[in-house]
PDB file of N, CA and C in Angstrom:
ATOM      1  N   MET A   1     116.012  61.831  69.231  1.00  0.00           N
ATOM      2  CA  MET A   1     116.228  62.658  70.400  1.00  0.00           C
ATOM      3  C   MET A   1     117.530  63.434  70.273  1.00  0.00           C
ATOM      4  N   ASP A   2     118.574  62.788  69.805  1.00  0.00           N
ATOM      5  CA  ASP A   2     119.865  63.450  69.659  1.00  0.00           C
ATOM      6  C   ASP A   2     119.798  64.603  68.659  1.00  0.00           C
ATOM      7  N   ASP A   3     119.035  64.411  67.575  1.00  0.00           N
ATOM      8  CA  ASP A   3     118.901  65.479  66.582  1.00  0.00           C
ATOM      9  C   ASP A   3     118.227  66.701  67.178  1.00  0.00           C
ATOM     10  N   LYS A   4     117.223  66.491  68.016  1.00  0.00           N
ATOM     11  CA  LYS A   4     116.513  67.601  68.650  1.00  0.00           C
ATOM     12  C   LYS A   4     117.448  68.381  69.571  1.00  0.00           C
ATOM     13  N   ILE A   5     118.249  67.686  70.333  1.00  0.00           N
ATOM     14  CA  ILE A   5     119.219  68.327  71.231  1.00  0.00           C
ATOM     15  C   ILE A   5     120.284  69.045  70.417  1.00  0.00           C
ATOM     16  N   ARG A   6     120.752  68.410  69.355  1.00  0.00           N
ATOM     17  CA  ARG A   6     121.765  69.013  68.495  1.00  0.00           C
ATOM     18  C   ARG A   6     121.247  70.322  67.874  1.00  0.00           C
ATOM     19  N   ASP A   7     119.979  70.329  67.435  1.00  0.00           N
ATOM     20  CA  ASP A   7     119.397  71.540  66.870  1.00  0.00           C
ATOM     21  C   ASP A   7     119.286  72.647  67.905  1.00  0.00           C
ATOM     22  N   LYS A   8     118.907  72.298  69.129  1.00  0.00           N
ATOM     23  CA  LYS A   8     118.807  73.306  70.184  1.00  0.00           C
ATOM     24  C   LYS A   8     120.165  73.910  70.507  1.00  0.00           C
ATOM     25  N   ILE A   9     121.206  73.094  70.497  1.00  0.00           N
ATOM     26  CA  ILE A   9     122.555  73.605  70.753  1.00  0.00           C
ATOM     27  C   ILE A   9     122.997  74.498  69.595  1.00  0.00           C
ATOM     28  N   LYS A  10     122.713  74.063  68.376  1.00  0.00           N
ATOM     29  CA  LYS A  10     123.098  74.828  67.196  1.00  0.00           C
ATOM     30  C   LYS A  10     122.413  76.198  67.170  1.00  0.00           C
ATOM     31  N   GLU A  11     121.175  76.271  67.662  1.00  0.00           N
ATOM     32  CA  GLU A  11     120.407  77.517  67.658  1.00  0.00           C
ATOM     33  C   GLU A  11     120.405  78.187  69.027  1.00  0.00           C
ATOM     34  N   SER A  12     121.351  77.833  69.886  1.00  0.00           N
ATOM     35  CA  SER A  12     121.349  78.349  71.259  1.00  0.00           C
ATOM     36  C   SER A  12     121.511  79.860  71.317  1.00  0.00           C
ATOM     37  N   HIS A  13     122.180  80.453  70.320  1.00  0.00           N
ATOM     38  CA  HIS A  13     122.318  81.902  70.307  1.00  0.00           C
ATOM     39  C   HIS A  13     120.961  82.591  70.214  1.00  0.00           C
ATOM     40  N   TYR A  14     119.972  81.946  69.598  1.00  0.00           N
ATOM     41  CA  TYR A  14     118.615  82.503  69.548  1.00  0.00           C
ATOM     42  C   TYR A  14     117.775  82.015  70.719  1.00  0.00           C
ATOM     43  N   ARG A  15     117.887  80.742  71.043  1.00  0.00           N
ATOM     44  CA  ARG A  15     117.026  80.140  72.063  1.00  0.00           C
ATOM     45  C   ARG A  15     117.266  80.687  73.467  1.00  0.00           C
ATOM     46  N   LYS A  16     118.367  81.385  73.694  1.00  0.00           N
ATOM     47  CA  LYS A  16     118.596  81.944  75.022  1.00  0.00           C
ATOM     48  C   LYS A  16     117.545  82.988  75.372  1.00  0.00           C
ATOM     49  N   PHE A  17     116.872  83.549  74.369  1.00  0.00           N
ATOM     50  CA  PHE A  17     115.808  84.522  74.610  1.00  0.00           C
ATOM     51  C   PHE A  17     114.444  83.867  74.793  1.00  0.00           C
ATOM     52  N   GLN A  18     114.362  82.570  74.645  1.00  0.00           N
ATOM     53  CA  GLN A  18     113.100  81.858  74.647  1.00  0.00           C
ATOM     54  C   GLN A  18     112.344  82.016  75.966  1.00  0.00           C
ATOM     55  N   ARG A  19     112.997  82.055  77.085  1.00  0.00           N
ATOM     56  CA  ARG A  19     112.333  82.141  78.386  1.00  0.00           C
ATOM     57  C   ARG A  19     112.110  83.580  78.854  1.00  0.00           C
ATOM     58  N   VAL A  20     112.584  84.559  78.090  1.00  0.00           N
ATOM     59  CA  VAL A  20     112.448  85.958  78.477  1.00  0.00           C
ATOM     60  C   VAL A  20     111.060  86.496  78.138  1.00  0.00           C
ATOM     61  N   ALA A  21     110.483  86.043  77.038  1.00  0.00           N
ATOM     62  CA  ALA A  21     109.179  86.537  76.583  1.00  0.00           C
ATOM     63  C   ALA A  21     108.057  85.970  77.444  1.00  0.00           C
ATOM     64  N   PRO A  22     107.001  86.762  77.681  1.00  0.00           N
ATOM     65  CA  PRO A  22     105.848  86.243  78.427  1.00  0.00           C
ATOM     66  C   PRO A  22     105.180  85.098  77.668  1.00  0.00           C
ATOM     67  N   GLU A  23     104.408  84.320  78.376  1.00  0.00           N
ATOM     68  CA  GLU A  23     103.685  83.184  77.786  1.00  0.00           C
ATOM     69  C   GLU A  23     102.846  83.653  76.596  1.00  0.00           C
ATOM     70  N   GLY A  24     102.978  82.965  75.479  1.00  0.00           N
ATOM     71  CA  GLY A  24     102.193  83.292  74.297  1.00  0.00           C
ATOM     72  C   GLY A  24     102.843  84.307  73.378  1.00  0.00           C
ATOM     73  N   PHE A  25     104.024  84.813  73.728  1.00  0.00           N
ATOM     74  CA  PHE A  25     104.738  85.778  72.910  1.00  0.00           C
ATOM     75  C   PHE A  25     106.079  85.190  72.495  1.00  0.00           C
ATOM     76  N   ILE A  26     106.621  85.722  71.419  1.00  0.00           N
ATOM     77  CA  ILE A  26     107.970  85.349  71.012  1.00  0.00           C
ATOM     78  C   ILE A  26     108.775  86.622  70.821  1.00  0.00           C
ATOM     79  N   ILE A  27     110.069  86.536  70.976  1.00  0.00           N
ATOM     80  CA  ILE A  27     110.960  87.650  70.723  1.00  0.00           C
ATOM     81  C   ILE A  27     111.631  87.387  69.389  1.00  0.00           C
ATOM     82  N   ILE A  28     111.564  88.390  68.512  1.00  0.00           N
ATOM     83  CA  ILE A  28     112.244  88.277  67.224  1.00  0.00           C
ATOM     84  C   ILE A  28     113.173  89.473  67.073  1.00  0.00           C
ATOM     85  N   PRO A  29     114.266  89.299  66.338  1.00  0.00           N
ATOM     86  CA  PRO A  29     115.164  90.422  66.102  1.00  0.00           C
ATOM     87  C   PRO A  29     114.460  91.513  65.284  1.00  0.00           C
ATOM     88  N   GLU A  30     114.885  92.731  65.480  1.00  0.00           N
ATOM     89  CA  GLU A  30     114.287  93.859  64.761  1.00  0.00           C
ATOM     90  C   GLU A  30     114.462  93.701  63.254  1.00  0.00           C
ATOM     91  N   VAL A  31     115.573  93.113  62.847  1.00  0.00           N
ATOM     92  CA  VAL A  31     115.835  92.885  61.422  1.00  0.00           C
ATOM     93  C   VAL A  31     114.750  91.984  60.831  1.00  0.00           C
ATOM     94  N   THR A  32     114.398  90.934  61.545  1.00  0.00           N
ATOM     95  CA  THR A  32     113.352  90.017  61.087  1.00  0.00           C
ATOM     96  C   THR A  32     112.005  90.713  61.060  1.00  0.00           C
ATOM     97  N   PHE A  33     111.728  91.517  62.063  1.00  0.00           N
ATOM     98  CA  PHE A  33     110.478  92.269  62.123  1.00  0.00           C
ATOM     99  C   PHE A  33     110.350  93.209  60.927  1.00  0.00           C
ATOM    100  N   GLU A  34     111.449  93.848  60.553  1.00  0.00           N
ATOM    101  CA  GLU A  34     111.434  94.760  59.408  1.00  0.00           C
ATOM    102  C   GLU A  34     111.149  94.014  58.105  1.00  0.00           C
ATOM    103  N   LYS A  35     111.559  92.754  58.021  1.00  0.00           N
ATOM    104  CA  LYS A  35     111.302  91.965  56.812  1.00  0.00           C
ATOM    105  C   LYS A  35     109.813  91.774  56.572  1.00  0.00           C
ATOM    106  N   LEU A  36     109.013  91.798  57.643  1.00  0.00           N
ATOM    107  CA  LEU A  36     107.567  91.622  57.488  1.00  0.00           C
ATOM    108  C   LEU A  36     106.917  92.780  56.747  1.00  0.00           C
ATOM    109  N   LYS A  37     107.605  93.905  56.623  1.00  0.00           N
ATOM    110  CA  LYS A  37     107.080  95.037  55.860  1.00  0.00           C
ATOM    111  C   LYS A  37     107.054  94.743  54.363  1.00  0.00           C
ATOM    112  N   ASP A  38     107.910  93.815  53.937  1.00  0.00           N
ATOM    113  CA  ASP A  38     107.928  93.392  52.539  1.00  0.00           C
ATOM    114  C   ASP A  38     106.736  92.468  52.310  1.00  0.00           C
ATOM    115  N   PHE A  39     105.859  92.837  51.384  1.00  0.00           N
ATOM    116  CA  PHE A  39     104.622  92.088  51.167  1.00  0.00           C
ATOM    117  C   PHE A  39     104.871  90.639  50.768  1.00  0.00           C
ATOM    118  N   GLU A  40     105.884  90.400  49.944  1.00  0.00           N
ATOM    119  CA  GLU A  40     106.177  89.024  49.518  1.00  0.00           C
ATOM    120  C   GLU A  40     106.606  88.164  50.704  1.00  0.00           C
ATOM    121  N   PHE A  41     107.456  88.717  51.570  1.00  0.00           N
ATOM    122  CA  PHE A  41     107.872  87.977  52.764  1.00  0.00           C
ATOM    123  C   PHE A  41     106.679  87.739  53.674  1.00  0.00           C
ATOM    124  N   TRP A  42     105.811  88.722  53.811  1.00  0.00           N
ATOM    125  CA  TRP A  42     104.625  88.603  54.655  1.00  0.00           C
ATOM    126  C   TRP A  42     103.719  87.484  54.151  1.00  0.00           C
ATOM    127  N   LYS A  43     103.511  87.427  52.815  1.00  0.00           N
ATOM    128  CA  LYS A  43     102.678  86.355  52.249  1.00  0.00           C
ATOM    129  C   LYS A  43     103.289  84.990  52.517  1.00  0.00           C
ATOM    130  N   GLU A  44     104.609  84.913  52.389  1.00  0.00           N
ATOM    131  CA  GLU A  44     105.294  83.648  52.648  1.00  0.00           C
ATOM    132  C   GLU A  44     105.115  83.240  54.112  1.00  0.00           C
ATOM    133  N   TRP A  45     105.210  84.218  55.027  1.00  0.00           N
ATOM    134  CA  TRP A  45     105.021  83.956  56.458  1.00  0.00           C
ATOM    135  C   TRP A  45     103.593  83.514  56.752  1.00  0.00           C
ATOM    136  N   ARG A  46     102.595  84.113  56.095  1.00  0.00           N
ATOM    137  CA  ARG A  46     101.193  83.742  56.321  1.00  0.00           C
ATOM    138  C   ARG A  46     100.946  82.274  55.948  1.00  0.00           C
ATOM    139  N   ASN A  47     101.630  81.805  54.918  1.00  0.00           N
ATOM    140  CA  ASN A  47     101.453  80.419  54.477  1.00  0.00           C
ATOM    141  C   ASN A  47     102.326  79.444  55.248  1.00  0.00           C
ATOM    142  N   ASN A  48     103.381  79.951  55.891  1.00  0.00           N
ATOM    143  CA  ASN A  48     104.296  79.092  56.636  1.00  0.00           C
ATOM    144  C   ASN A  48     104.776  79.841  57.880  1.00  0.00           C
ATOM    145  N   PRO A  49     104.051  79.768  59.000  1.00  0.00           N
ATOM    146  CA  PRO A  49     104.426  80.507  60.207  1.00  0.00           C
ATOM    147  C   PRO A  49     105.809  80.146  60.760  1.00  0.00           C
ATOM    148  N   ASN A  50     106.328  78.975  60.420  1.00  0.00           N
ATOM    149  CA  ASN A  50     107.649  78.569  60.913  1.00  0.00           C
ATOM    150  C   ASN A  50     108.775  79.394  60.309  1.00  0.00           C
ATOM    151  N   ILE A  51     108.501  80.071  59.212  1.00  0.00           N
ATOM    152  CA  ILE A  51     109.554  80.876  58.577  1.00  0.00           C
ATOM    153  C   ILE A  51     110.014  81.992  59.497  1.00  0.00           C
ATOM    154  N   LEU A  52     109.150  82.491  60.349  1.00  0.00           N
ATOM    155  CA  LEU A  52     109.531  83.554  61.278  1.00  0.00           C
ATOM    156  C   LEU A  52     110.595  83.056  62.249  1.00  0.00           C
ATOM    157  N   PHE A  53     110.431  81.852  62.753  1.00  0.00           N
ATOM    158  CA  PHE A  53     111.441  81.270  63.639  1.00  0.00           C
ATOM    159  C   PHE A  53     112.751  81.060  62.889  1.00  0.00           C
ATOM    160  N   ASP A  54     112.669  80.486  61.690  1.00  0.00           N
ATOM    161  CA  ASP A  54     113.876  80.214  60.900  1.00  0.00           C
ATOM    162  C   ASP A  54     114.637  81.497  60.585  1.00  0.00           C
ATOM    163  N   GLU A  55     113.919  82.527  60.180  1.00  0.00           N
ATOM    164  CA  GLU A  55     114.554  83.808  59.873  1.00  0.00           C
ATOM    165  C   GLU A  55     115.133  84.453  61.135  1.00  0.00           C
ATOM    166  N   SER A  56     114.443  84.301  62.256  1.00  0.00           N
ATOM    167  CA  SER A  56     114.938  84.868  63.512  1.00  0.00           C
ATOM    168  C   SER A  56     116.259  84.225  63.912  1.00  0.00           C
ATOM    169  N   VAL A  57     116.351  82.930  63.772  1.00  0.00           N
ATOM    170  CA  VAL A  57     117.594  82.218  64.088  1.00  0.00           C
ATOM    171  C   VAL A  57     118.706  82.690  63.164  1.00  0.00           C
ATOM    172  N   LYS A  58     118.412  82.761  61.871  1.00  0.00           N
ATOM    173  CA  LYS A  58     119.410  83.188  60.892  1.00  0.00           C
ATOM    174  C   LYS A  58     119.848  84.632  61.142  1.00  0.00           C
ATOM    175  N   ASP A  59     118.892  85.527  61.375  1.00  0.00           N
ATOM    176  CA  ASP A  59     119.220  86.934  61.588  1.00  0.00           C
ATOM    177  C   ASP A  59     119.978  87.154  62.894  1.00  0.00           C
ATOM    178  N   THR A  60     119.658  86.392  63.913  1.00  0.00           N
ATOM    179  CA  THR A  60     120.368  86.520  65.177  1.00  0.00           C
ATOM    180  C   THR A  60     121.832  86.125  64.980  1.00  0.00           C
ATOM    181  N   LYS A  61     122.055  85.051  64.266  1.00  0.00           N
ATOM    182  CA  LYS A  61     123.433  84.591  64.030  1.00  0.00           C
ATOM    183  C   LYS A  61     124.208  85.603  63.192  1.00  0.00           C
ATOM    184  N   GLU A  62     123.575  86.154  62.162  1.00  0.00           N
ATOM    185  CA  GLU A  62     124.262  87.077  61.257  1.00  0.00           C
ATOM    186  C   GLU A  62     124.530  88.435  61.886  1.00  0.00           C
ATOM    187  N   ASN A  63     123.627  88.918  62.702  1.00  0.00           N
ATOM    188  CA  ASN A  63     123.726  90.294  63.186  1.00  0.00           C
ATOM    189  C   ASN A  63     124.312  90.443  64.590  1.00  0.00           C
ATOM    190  N   PHE A  64     124.374  89.372  65.341  1.00  0.00           N
ATOM    191  CA  PHE A  64     124.825  89.503  66.722  1.00  0.00           C
ATOM    192  C   PHE A  64     126.068  88.692  67.038  1.00  0.00           C
ATOM    193  N   PHE A  65     126.456  87.768  66.165  1.00  0.00           N
ATOM    194  CA  PHE A  65     127.615  86.935  66.463  1.00  0.00           C
ATOM    195  C   PHE A  65     128.553  86.862  65.296  1.00  0.00           C
TER     196      PHE A  65
END
């Protein structure tokens, strides 16, 4: 339980947008969205949908803070 809370705090810069999107949608940074244009990244995302969340967290931290 503590690890889950610790991860949410660590990713809070991204998770603050979690309640803004309508049900069934996610908000991703434009930088992450642009990465999907790269076919290799797109293939990687198709095989592992969690990569979009991981990249969004990383890109939010790098580009906004």
